[in-house]
Protein backbone atom coordinates (compact mmCIF):
# COMPACT_ATOMS: atom_id res chain seq x y z
CA MET A 1 18.60 63.64 -88.27
CA GLU A 2 15.00 63.72 -88.80
CA ILE A 3 12.93 64.66 -92.07
CA GLY A 4 10.04 66.84 -91.87
CA THR A 5 7.83 69.46 -93.88
CA VAL A 6 8.14 73.30 -93.29
CA ILE A 7 4.67 74.45 -92.37
CA GLY A 8 4.83 77.84 -90.98
CA SER A 9 7.60 80.56 -89.56
CA VAL A 10 7.71 81.83 -86.14
CA TRP A 11 8.30 85.63 -85.68
CA ALA A 12 10.13 86.94 -82.20
CA THR A 13 10.69 90.71 -81.69
CA LYS A 14 13.02 89.98 -78.79
CA LYS A 15 15.57 86.50 -79.02
CA ALA A 16 18.19 85.61 -76.71
CA ASP A 17 21.79 86.55 -77.65
CA GLY A 18 23.34 84.38 -80.49
CA ILE A 19 19.93 83.92 -82.30
CA GLU A 20 19.02 87.63 -83.37
CA GLY A 21 18.09 87.78 -87.03
CA GLN A 22 17.91 83.71 -87.29
CA LYS A 23 14.76 82.85 -89.13
CA LEU A 24 13.16 80.48 -87.17
CA LEU A 25 10.53 77.66 -88.88
CA VAL A 26 8.06 75.48 -87.64
CA VAL A 27 8.49 71.99 -89.13
CA GLU A 28 6.46 68.74 -88.83
CA VAL A 29 8.52 65.99 -88.24
CA LEU A 30 7.73 62.53 -90.48
CA HIS A 31 6.57 59.84 -87.83
CA GLY A 32 5.12 57.53 -90.27
CA THR A 33 1.67 59.31 -89.78
CA ARG A 34 0.34 62.67 -89.87
CA LYS A 35 -2.68 62.51 -87.99
CA ASP A 36 -1.49 64.54 -84.61
CA ARG A 37 0.14 67.64 -84.32
CA ASP A 38 2.52 66.75 -81.56
CA ASN A 39 5.49 66.24 -83.95
CA LEU A 40 5.73 69.89 -84.47
CA LEU A 41 8.96 71.58 -83.55
CA VAL A 42 10.86 74.62 -84.20
CA ALA A 43 13.96 75.09 -86.25
CA ALA A 44 16.81 77.60 -87.17
CA ASP A 45 17.05 77.58 -90.87
CA VAL A 46 20.55 78.15 -92.23
CA ILE A 47 19.53 77.27 -95.95
CA GLY A 48 16.63 79.11 -97.01
CA ALA A 49 14.20 77.09 -96.79
CA GLY A 50 10.44 77.61 -97.35
CA ILE A 51 6.62 76.42 -96.39
CA GLY A 52 5.63 73.16 -98.20
CA ASP A 53 9.53 72.06 -98.61
CA GLN A 54 10.38 68.62 -97.05
CA VAL A 55 13.76 69.32 -95.27
CA LEU A 56 16.52 67.61 -93.18
CA ILE A 57 16.93 68.29 -89.37
CA CYS A 58 19.65 67.71 -87.11
CA LEU A 59 19.31 68.34 -83.16
CA GLY A 60 20.96 68.87 -80.10
CA ASN A 61 24.54 70.11 -80.35
CA PRO A 62 24.77 69.57 -84.29
CA ALA A 63 22.45 72.27 -84.26
CA ARG A 64 24.06 74.44 -82.32
CA LEU A 65 27.25 74.00 -84.47
CA ILE A 66 26.12 74.96 -87.42
CA VAL A 67 23.97 77.77 -86.11
CA GLY A 68 26.90 79.45 -84.32
CA GLN A 69 29.92 77.90 -83.29
CA GLY A 70 28.04 75.76 -80.51
CA ALA A 71 27.24 78.90 -78.16
CA VAL A 72 23.49 79.59 -79.05
CA PRO A 73 20.47 78.49 -77.56
CA ILE A 74 19.32 76.29 -80.95
CA ASP A 75 17.81 72.55 -80.25
CA ALA A 76 17.31 72.00 -84.05
CA ALA A 77 18.27 73.35 -87.60
CA VAL A 78 17.00 72.91 -91.29
CA VAL A 79 20.26 71.59 -92.82
CA GLY A 80 18.93 70.32 -96.12
CA ILE A 81 15.97 70.75 -98.56
CA ILE A 82 15.12 67.22 -99.67
CA ASP A 83 14.61 67.16 -103.71
CA SER A 84 13.04 63.34 -103.57
CA LEU A 85 12.19 60.84 -101.22
CA ASP A 86 11.42 57.29 -101.67
CA ILE A 87 10.26 55.31 -98.71
CA PRO A 88 8.22 52.02 -99.61
CA GLU A 89 4.86 52.27 -97.56
CA HIS A 90 5.43 49.27 -95.51
CA ASP A 91 8.84 50.82 -94.35
CA ILE A 92 6.80 53.86 -93.19
CA TRP A 93 4.69 51.90 -90.81
CA ARG A 94 7.65 49.80 -89.34
CA TYR A 95 9.38 52.43 -88.17
CA ALA A 96 6.16 54.56 -86.96
CA ASP A 97 5.72 55.50 -83.53
């Protein structure tokens, strides 16, 4: 799983079969520093997250399973809204890319 912050929404009038009606969010993934924007992903929202929420994201096959029995073209899904996050500052830099 990854931790990220919802920073926007994606609107697409045409979508692949299986994701019609699916809410898509732009999530900035936490990588220890927030200086660059190459840590963005689009995730299907199955829990009702909104802009500014810190979220838990699952990737790959678990994301497909949570959205639609594994038969949907999804790489990431928001599966939780974080109420509290406690990471000592020195630990963030130890795990940074």
